[in-house]
Amino acid sequence: MNPNLSLLQAYPFERLRQLFATVTPNTVYTPISLGIGEPRHATPQLIKDAYCQAINDPQGGLSIYPATGGVPALRQSIGRWLQRRYGLQLNPDTQILPVNGSREALFALAQTVVNPAARLAPDQAPLVVCPNPFYQIYEGAALLSGAEPYFVPSDPARNFAQDWDSVPDAVWARTQLLFVCSPGNPTGAVMPLGEWKKLFELSDRFGFVIASDECYSEIYFREEPPLGGLEAAAQLGRSDFRNLLILTSLSKRSNVPGMRSGFCAGDAALVKQFLLYRTYHGSAMSTVVQAASIAAWDDEQHVQDNREQYRAKFAAVTPILAQVLDVALPDAGFYLWADVKGSDTDFARELLALYNVTVLPGSFLAREARGFNPGAHRIRMALVAQTPECVEAAERIVQFVKSRN
């Protein structure tokens, strides 16, 4: 067996299951889960219609093998979206590649980029640099590629911004891949242009690839949409997007997590090699999903409607929770990242036992690095259910916190 499999840690939701194994929820209350970031708004009808039409297409549907690079119409649809959203003109044949959701692609990209044989010393594996807190696929992708993950310290006083200046040159010299997430999971923070400039300069100096996870980019609460990685590169005169790929999906934007549809885009040289890897990996997207994806990327009205639902929900829920928790409206995303001033695991267990509400301990979303776990004493709440259910959960949490004081 691949020995690196033994290095993998349990996924946060498996750890949550283990944490709750001896907890009996209070059945006086109906269960409400804020634990998993699975969109639960209705899938737009136009996407379902396109899916059904495609599956019944006598010339396509499920009767043909799909191409790994996707049909030209899908790449062109994604290109139009990038133009509308960021004002960018990308070549749909060389700079855009459909993927089966961003999680799958984030993992596969590390297997493409990392050269485990490239060592500065016999006992030094290449590094994949990750934010902390982070999406755990970054760590798993690093380990199974033969690299070691390196977690960058974050500053809770600055909305958990990464302290890139604390990373020594010796680390950057071993780095082959840097994962960033903006808007971030779990904090919802958006990286500003100055931060991108710093990372591009480091990439130019040390030669590593930047993979920007942007799956929450279309759920935001201010009038100005979040800055994207390709957009930042273009503003800084990097129109070739060298050593940069962005990855995103329709899951959150269009409420279709079960479709597993997204794309990566950026540096044409990286896209070419990623396509080669994916051709052998067998990562082609069904033509039925491609047809539904075209309908999704070509329509913005359902995205605006979805965003307004989240805005109304957060406006209702955040003030309720702010009565008893250190919590604030994020820049973007659908999570609230709250300081509970104590053990996050105890908080989650007791809340489930007494009020039948599930939240995710923040320590499960981070790693202890240099003696500090930045997720400790925090919880992540995914406001993915309908507003009345989220409000009910918030009111129960208020009761719970008041009962503990």
Protein backbone atom coordinates (compact mmCIF):
# COMPACT_ATOMS: atom_id res chain seq x y z
CA MET A 1 0.00 0.00 0.00
CA ASN A 2 1.03 3.61 -0.47
CA PRO A 3 2.78 4.35 2.85
CA ASN A 4 1.65 7.98 2.71
CA LEU A 5 -1.93 6.84 3.35
CA SER A 6 -0.92 6.26 6.97
CA LEU A 7 -0.11 9.97 7.28
CA LEU A 8 -3.68 11.10 6.58
CA GLN A 9 -5.76 12.43 9.45
CA ALA A 10 -9.46 11.76 9.87
CA TYR A 11 -11.63 14.21 7.98
CA PRO A 12 -13.36 16.82 10.19
CA PHE A 13 -16.77 15.18 9.83
CA GLU A 14 -15.41 11.78 10.84
CA ARG A 15 -13.86 13.45 13.88
CA LEU A 16 -17.22 15.08 14.56
CA ARG A 17 -18.94 11.69 14.41
CA GLN A 18 -16.43 10.33 16.90
CA LEU A 19 -16.85 13.37 19.15
CA PHE A 20 -20.62 12.84 19.25
CA ALA A 21 -20.50 9.05 19.60
CA THR A 22 -21.47 9.15 23.29
CA VAL A 23 -23.78 12.18 23.07
CA THR A 24 -27.56 11.74 23.24
CA PRO A 25 -29.25 14.76 21.62
CA ASN A 26 -32.19 16.34 23.42
CA THR A 27 -35.21 15.05 21.47
CA VAL A 28 -37.41 17.84 22.82
CA TYR A 29 -35.88 19.82 19.95
CA THR A 30 -35.87 18.92 16.28
CA PRO A 31 -32.30 18.44 15.04
CA ILE A 32 -30.64 21.35 13.23
CA SER A 33 -27.22 20.96 11.64
CA LEU A 34 -24.91 23.90 11.05
CA GLY A 35 -21.99 21.51 10.78
CA ILE A 36 -21.53 20.71 7.09
CA GLY A 37 -21.09 23.30 4.35
CA GLU A 38 -23.52 21.65 1.96
CA PRO A 39 -25.74 24.15 0.10
CA ARG A 40 -29.39 23.46 0.73
CA HIS A 41 -31.10 26.18 -1.30
CA ALA A 42 -33.17 24.86 -4.20
CA THR A 43 -31.36 23.94 -7.40
CA PRO A 44 -32.46 26.40 -10.14
CA GLN A 45 -35.01 24.96 -12.55
CA LEU A 46 -33.06 26.05 -15.62
CA ILE A 47 -30.17 23.79 -14.58
CA LYS A 48 -32.45 20.82 -13.99
CA ASP A 49 -34.17 21.42 -17.33
CA ALA A 50 -30.83 21.48 -19.16
CA TYR A 51 -29.77 18.28 -17.38
CA CYS A 52 -32.95 16.43 -18.31
CA GLN A 53 -32.80 17.61 -21.89
CA ALA A 54 -29.19 16.47 -22.22
CA ILE A 55 -29.77 13.04 -20.70
CA ASN A 56 -32.45 12.38 -23.31
CA ASP A 57 -30.34 13.60 -26.25
CA PRO A 58 -30.19 10.67 -28.73
CA GLN A 59 -26.85 11.98 -30.08
CA GLY A 60 -25.20 12.27 -26.69
CA GLY A 61 -26.45 11.89 -23.16
CA LEU A 62 -25.00 8.87 -21.43
CA SER A 63 -24.25 6.97 -24.64
CA ILE A 64 -20.83 8.53 -25.40
CA TYR A 65 -17.50 8.85 -23.64
CA PRO A 66 -16.85 12.47 -22.66
CA ALA A 67 -13.56 14.17 -23.52
CA THR A 68 -11.34 15.12 -20.58
CA GLY A 69 -11.01 18.67 -21.88
CA GLY A 70 -14.77 19.10 -22.08
CA VAL A 71 -16.82 20.28 -25.02
CA PRO A 72 -15.83 23.64 -26.57
CA ALA A 73 -19.24 25.08 -25.66
CA LEU A 74 -18.57 24.57 -21.94
CA ARG A 75 -15.11 26.13 -22.05
CA GLN A 76 -16.56 29.06 -24.00
CA SER A 77 -19.37 29.44 -21.45
CA ILE A 78 -16.82 29.55 -18.63
CA GLY A 79 -14.80 32.07 -20.63
CA ARG A 80 -17.85 34.33 -20.96
CA TRP A 81 -18.40 34.11 -17.21
CA LEU A 82 -14.78 35.08 -16.51
CA GLN A 83 -15.24 38.05 -18.84
CA ARG A 84 -18.45 39.18 -17.12
CA ARG A 85 -17.18 38.58 -13.60
CA TYR A 86 -13.58 39.77 -13.82
CA GLY A 87 -13.26 41.55 -17.17
CA LEU A 88 -10.75 38.94 -18.36
CA GLN A 89 -10.26 37.39 -21.78
CA LEU A 90 -8.90 33.85 -21.47
CA ASN A 91 -8.32 31.40 -24.29
CA PRO A 92 -10.96 28.69 -23.77
CA ASP A 93 -8.81 26.11 -25.58
CA THR A 94 -5.59 26.61 -23.62
CA GLN A 95 -6.36 28.41 -20.36
CA ILE A 96 -9.63 26.82 -19.16
CA LEU A 97 -10.24 23.22 -18.09
CA PRO A 98 -13.51 21.77 -16.72
CA VAL A 99 -13.11 19.70 -13.54
CA ASN A 100 -15.36 17.48 -11.45
CA GLY A 101 -15.77 19.95 -8.62
CA SER A 102 -13.00 21.96 -7.00
CA ARG A 103 -12.18 19.39 -4.29
CA GLU A 104 -11.25 16.71 -6.81
CA ALA A 105 -9.20 19.18 -8.83
CA LEU A 106 -7.36 20.62 -5.82
CA PHE A 107 -6.22 17.12 -4.93
CA ALA A 108 -5.28 16.17 -8.49
CA LEU A 109 -3.39 19.41 -9.07
CA ALA A 110 -0.94 18.60 -6.29
CA GLN A 111 -0.27 15.21 -7.89
CA THR A 112 0.48 17.03 -11.16
CA VAL A 113 2.65 19.82 -9.77
CA VAL A 114 4.69 18.20 -7.02
CA ASN A 115 7.98 16.51 -7.93
CA PRO A 116 8.76 14.40 -4.86
CA ALA A 117 12.26 13.66 -6.16
CA ALA A 118 13.22 17.34 -6.13
CA ARG A 119 14.92 17.60 -2.75
CA LEU A 120 17.34 20.24 -1.54
CA ALA A 121 18.74 17.61 0.82
CA PRO A 122 18.16 13.84 1.19
CA ASP A 123 16.00 14.30 4.28
CA GLN A 124 14.01 17.26 2.96
CA ALA A 125 10.80 16.52 1.04
CA PRO A 126 9.25 19.27 -1.08
CA LEU A 127 6.74 21.48 0.70
CA VAL A 128 3.14 22.41 -0.04
CA VAL A 129 2.29 25.59 1.85
CA CYS A 130 -1.25 25.84 3.26
CA PRO A 131 -3.27 28.40 5.20
CA ASN A 132 -4.24 27.58 8.77
CA PRO A 133 -7.23 27.15 9.41
CA PHE A 134 -7.68 25.37 6.11
CA TYR A 135 -9.68 22.98 3.92
CA GLN A 136 -8.28 19.56 4.75
CA ILE A 137 -7.97 18.42 1.14
CA TYR A 138 -4.87 20.66 0.90
CA GLU A 139 -3.09 18.58 3.54
CA GLY A 140 -4.15 15.24 2.06
CA ALA A 141 -3.16 16.32 -1.45
CA ALA A 142 0.26 17.36 -0.18
CA LEU A 143 0.92 14.13 1.70
CA LEU A 144 -0.20 11.80 -1.09
CA SER A 145 1.89 13.71 -3.63
CA GLY A 146 5.01 12.94 -1.60
CA ALA A 147 5.36 16.44 -0.18
CA GLU A 148 5.05 17.75 3.35
CA PRO A 149 2.42 20.35 4.29
CA TYR A 150 3.65 23.56 5.88
CA PHE A 151 1.01 25.57 7.74
CA VAL A 152 1.38 29.33 7.70
CA PRO A 153 0.58 31.08 10.99
CA SER A 154 -2.56 33.21 11.02
CA ASP A 155 -3.43 36.22 13.11
CA PRO A 156 -6.85 36.11 14.86
CA ALA A 157 -6.57 39.86 15.45
CA ARG A 158 -6.53 40.42 11.66
CA ASN A 159 -9.43 38.15 10.73
CA PHE A 160 -7.01 35.22 10.54
CA ALA A 161 -4.94 36.77 7.75
CA GLN A 162 -1.92 34.62 6.95
CA ASP A 163 1.44 35.88 8.23
CA TRP A 164 3.43 35.33 5.04
CA ASP A 165 6.32 37.38 6.39
CA SER A 166 6.87 34.78 9.12
CA VAL A 167 7.72 32.11 6.53
CA PRO A 168 11.52 31.84 6.21
CA ASP A 169 13.26 31.77 2.84
CA ALA A 170 14.42 28.22 3.59
CA VAL A 171 10.75 27.14 3.54
CA TRP A 172 9.92 29.03 0.35
CA ALA A 173 12.98 27.45 -1.31
CA ARG A 174 11.48 23.99 -0.71
CA THR A 175 7.95 25.03 -1.72
CA GLN A 176 6.50 23.66 -4.95
CA LEU A 177 2.83 24.52 -4.42
CA LEU A 178 0.96 27.13 -2.40
CA PHE A 179 -2.73 26.73 -1.65
CA VAL A 180 -4.70 29.88 -0.90
CA CYS A 181 -8.43 30.16 -0.25
CA SER A 182 -10.19 33.47 -0.87
CA PRO A 183 -12.89 33.96 0.29
CA GLY A 184 -11.57 31.77 3.04
CA ASN A 185 -13.00 28.68 4.67
CA PRO A 186 -13.87 29.00 7.55
CA THR A 187 -13.23 32.72 8.12
CA GLY A 188 -14.81 34.24 5.01
CA ALA A 189 -11.88 36.66 4.65
CA VAL A 190 -10.93 37.98 1.19
CA MET A 191 -7.28 38.51 0.22
CA PRO A 192 -6.52 42.12 -0.79
CA LEU A 193 -4.38 43.10 -3.78
CA GLY A 194 -1.33 43.81 -1.63
CA GLU A 195 -1.33 40.25 -0.34
CA TRP A 196 -1.54 38.89 -3.87
CA LYS A 197 1.38 41.10 -4.88
CA LYS A 198 3.50 39.65 -2.08
CA LEU A 199 2.66 36.07 -3.11
CA PHE A 200 3.34 36.69 -6.79
CA GLU A 201 6.74 38.15 -5.92
CA LEU A 202 7.54 35.10 -3.81
CA SER A 203 6.38 32.79 -6.62
CA ASP A 204 8.62 34.60 -9.10
CA ARG A 205 11.57 34.38 -6.74
CA PHE A 206 11.21 30.74 -5.72
CA GLY A 207 9.29 29.24 -8.65
CA PHE A 208 6.33 27.63 -6.88
CA VAL A 209 2.79 27.31 -8.27
CA ILE A 210 -0.14 29.13 -6.64
CA ALA A 211 -3.49 27.31 -6.54
CA SER A 212 -6.30 29.67 -5.56
CA ASP A 213 -9.44 27.99 -4.19
CA GLU A 214 -12.30 30.41 -4.96
CA CYS A 215 -15.43 28.29 -4.54
CA TYR A 216 -17.13 30.89 -2.28
CA SER A 217 -16.54 33.86 -4.58
CA GLU A 218 -20.20 34.43 -5.48
CA ILE A 219 -21.63 34.58 -1.95
CA TYR A 220 -20.70 37.97 -0.55
CA PHE A 221 -22.26 40.68 1.60
CA ARG A 222 -20.82 43.92 0.33
CA GLU A 223 -21.54 45.66 -2.95
CA GLU A 224 -18.08 45.01 -4.37
CA PRO A 225 -17.50 41.34 -5.25
CA PRO A 226 -14.40 39.61 -3.88
CA LEU A 227 -11.12 40.06 -5.72
CA GLY A 228 -10.09 36.90 -7.58
CA GLY A 229 -6.60 35.58 -8.20
CA LEU A 230 -6.68 36.02 -11.98
CA GLU A 231 -8.16 39.47 -11.52
CA ALA A 232 -5.36 40.40 -9.11
CA ALA A 233 -2.74 39.09 -11.52
CA ALA A 234 -4.16 41.14 -14.39
CA GLN A 235 -4.25 44.30 -12.25
CA LEU A 236 -0.59 43.73 -11.44
CA GLY A 237 0.42 43.29 -15.08
CA ARG A 238 0.66 39.51 -15.02
CA SER A 239 -1.59 38.82 -17.99
CA ASP A 240 0.10 35.48 -18.72
CA PHE A 241 -1.01 34.29 -15.22
CA ARG A 242 2.35 32.53 -14.85
CA ASN A 243 2.43 29.87 -12.14
CA LEU A 244 -1.20 30.64 -11.18
CA LEU A 245 -4.35 28.56 -11.42
CA ILE A 246 -7.71 29.41 -9.90
CA LEU A 247 -10.23 26.69 -9.11
CA THR A 248 -13.92 27.12 -8.49
CA SER A 249 -17.19 25.25 -8.85
CA LEU A 250 -20.93 25.53 -9.26
CA SER A 251 -21.69 23.83 -5.93
CA LYS A 252 -22.08 26.97 -3.84
CA ARG A 253 -22.74 29.46 -6.65
CA SER A 254 -25.63 27.51 -8.17
CA ASN A 255 -26.67 25.09 -5.38
CA VAL A 256 -25.67 21.94 -7.27
CA PRO A 257 -23.14 20.14 -5.02
CA GLY A 258 -24.29 16.80 -6.42
CA MET A 259 -23.31 17.75 -9.97
CA ARG A 260 -19.58 17.95 -9.12
CA SER A 261 -18.86 20.60 -11.71
CA GLY A 262 -16.26 23.33 -11.77
CA PHE A 263 -13.20 24.53 -13.64
CA CYS A 264 -9.62 25.62 -13.29
CA ALA A 265 -8.12 28.47 -15.30
CA GLY A 266 -4.91 30.42 -15.65
CA ASP A 267 -1.38 29.62 -16.79
CA ALA A 268 -1.67 27.79 -20.13
CA ALA A 269 1.47 25.73 -19.46
CA LEU A 270 -0.02 24.45 -16.20
CA VAL A 271 -3.39 23.75 -17.81
CA LYS A 272 -1.67 21.70 -20.51
CA GLN A 273 0.12 19.49 -17.98
CA PHE A 274 -2.98 19.23 -15.79
CA LEU A 275 -5.00 18.07 -18.80
CA LEU A 276 -2.36 15.40 -19.48
CA TYR A 277 -2.58 14.15 -15.90
CA ARG A 278 -6.37 14.15 -15.95
CA THR A 279 -6.49 12.25 -19.25
CA TYR A 280 -4.73 9.34 -17.57
CA HIS A 281 -6.56 9.83 -14.30
CA GLY A 282 -9.94 9.39 -16.02
CA SER A 283 -11.38 12.72 -14.87
CA ALA A 284 -13.74 13.53 -17.71
CA MET A 285 -17.01 15.27 -16.90
CA SER A 286 -20.24 13.67 -18.16
CA THR A 287 -21.67 15.45 -21.19
CA VAL A 288 -24.96 15.63 -19.31
CA VAL A 289 -23.32 17.54 -16.47
CA GLN A 290 -21.52 19.70 -19.03
CA ALA A 291 -24.81 20.71 -20.62
CA ALA A 292 -26.30 21.62 -17.24
CA SER A 293 -23.10 23.50 -16.39
CA ILE A 294 -23.37 25.64 -19.50
CA ALA A 295 -26.87 26.66 -18.44
CA ALA A 296 -25.55 27.54 -14.98
CA TRP A 297 -22.51 29.57 -16.07
CA ASP A 298 -24.54 31.47 -18.65
CA ASP A 299 -27.15 32.67 -16.15
CA GLU A 300 -26.57 35.24 -13.39
CA GLN A 301 -30.11 35.84 -12.16
CA HIS A 302 -30.22 32.68 -10.07
CA VAL A 303 -26.82 33.62 -8.57
CA GLN A 304 -28.10 37.04 -7.58
CA ASP A 305 -31.21 35.47 -6.05
CA ASN A 306 -29.07 32.98 -4.14
CA ARG A 307 -26.83 35.75 -2.84
CA GLU A 308 -29.82 37.75 -1.64
CA GLN A 309 -31.08 34.72 0.30
CA TYR A 310 -27.75 34.47 2.10
CA ARG A 311 -27.63 38.20 2.75
CA ALA A 312 -31.08 38.15 4.32
CA LYS A 313 -30.22 35.05 6.34
CA PHE A 314 -26.96 36.46 7.72
CA ALA A 315 -28.68 39.76 8.49
CA ALA A 316 -31.22 37.86 10.58
CA VAL A 317 -28.87 35.44 12.31
CA THR A 318 -25.68 37.40 13.02
CA PRO A 319 -27.21 39.96 15.43
CA ILE A 320 -28.87 37.16 17.40
CA LEU A 321 -25.60 35.30 17.90
CA ALA A 322 -23.65 38.51 18.56
CA GLN A 323 -25.60 38.90 21.80
CA VAL A 324 -23.59 36.07 23.36
CA LEU A 325 -20.69 35.19 21.02
CA ASP A 326 -17.76 37.05 19.50
CA VAL A 327 -18.99 36.79 15.93
CA ALA A 328 -19.24 39.16 12.97
CA LEU A 329 -20.46 39.21 9.39
CA PRO A 330 -17.71 37.77 7.14
CA ASP A 331 -16.53 39.29 3.88
CA ALA A 332 -18.00 36.37 1.96
CA GLY A 333 -18.95 32.69 2.13
CA PHE A 334 -21.70 31.06 4.15
CA TYR A 335 -19.93 30.44 7.46
CA LEU A 336 -19.90 32.23 10.78
CA TRP A 337 -16.62 31.79 12.67
CA ALA A 338 -17.31 32.44 16.33
CA ASP A 339 -15.10 32.66 19.40
CA VAL A 340 -16.65 30.63 22.24
CA LYS A 341 -14.04 31.62 24.87
CA GLY A 342 -13.41 28.04 25.90
CA SER A 343 -13.17 24.48 24.65
CA ASP A 344 -14.69 24.27 21.18
CA THR A 345 -15.21 20.49 21.47
CA ASP A 346 -16.97 20.78 24.83
CA PHE A 347 -19.15 23.56 23.42
CA ALA A 348 -20.18 21.40 20.44
CA ARG A 349 -20.92 18.31 22.55
CA GLU A 350 -22.98 20.17 25.15
CA LEU A 351 -24.90 22.15 22.52
CA LEU A 352 -25.93 18.95 20.77
CA ALA A 353 -26.86 17.23 24.03
CA LEU A 354 -28.96 20.09 25.36
CA TYR A 355 -30.36 21.82 22.26
CA ASN A 356 -29.89 19.35 19.36
CA VAL A 357 -27.86 21.80 17.26
CA THR A 358 -24.71 20.64 15.47
CA VAL A 359 -21.73 22.95 14.95
CA LEU A 360 -18.17 22.11 13.93
CA PRO A 361 -15.32 22.69 16.41
CA GLY A 362 -12.80 25.09 14.93
CA SER A 363 -9.84 23.02 16.06
CA PHE A 364 -10.93 20.32 13.59
CA LEU A 365 -10.28 22.79 10.77
CA ALA A 366 -6.72 23.69 11.75
CA ARG A 367 -3.45 22.15 12.80
CA GLU A 368 -1.28 23.01 15.75
CA ALA A 369 1.77 24.75 14.35
CA ARG A 370 4.49 26.38 16.43
CA GLY A 371 2.51 25.58 19.56
CA PHE A 372 -0.78 27.16 18.47
CA ASN A 373 -3.98 25.82 16.91
CA PRO A 374 -5.73 28.88 15.41
CA GLY A 375 -9.09 27.09 15.34
CA ALA A 376 -9.11 26.28 19.05
CA HIS A 377 -11.87 27.98 21.07
CA ARG A 378 -13.88 28.68 17.91
CA ILE A 379 -16.77 27.04 16.11
CA ARG A 380 -17.81 27.12 12.47
CA MET A 381 -21.50 27.48 11.69
CA ALA A 382 -22.67 26.82 8.13
CA LEU A 383 -25.80 28.87 7.44
CA VAL A 384 -26.94 26.66 4.59
CA ALA A 385 -30.49 25.80 5.69
CA GLN A 386 -33.47 28.07 5.15
CA THR A 387 -33.64 31.25 7.21
CA PRO A 388 -36.29 30.12 9.77
CA GLU A 389 -34.24 27.03 10.64
CA CYS A 390 -31.03 29.04 10.98
CA VAL A 391 -32.78 31.63 13.17
CA GLU A 392 -34.16 28.84 15.37
CA ALA A 393 -30.64 27.38 15.71
CA ALA A 394 -29.25 30.80 16.62
CA GLU A 395 -31.90 31.32 19.29
CA ARG A 396 -31.12 27.93 20.80
CA ILE A 397 -27.41 28.78 20.85
CA VAL A 398 -28.18 32.01 22.69
CA GLN A 399 -30.16 30.05 25.30
CA PHE A 400 -27.34 27.56 25.60
CA VAL A 401 -24.61 30.18 26.09
CA LYS A 402 -26.68 32.06 28.66
CA SER A 403 -27.28 28.82 30.56
CA ARG A 404 -23.50 28.23 30.75
CA ASN A 405 -22.69 31.67 32.15
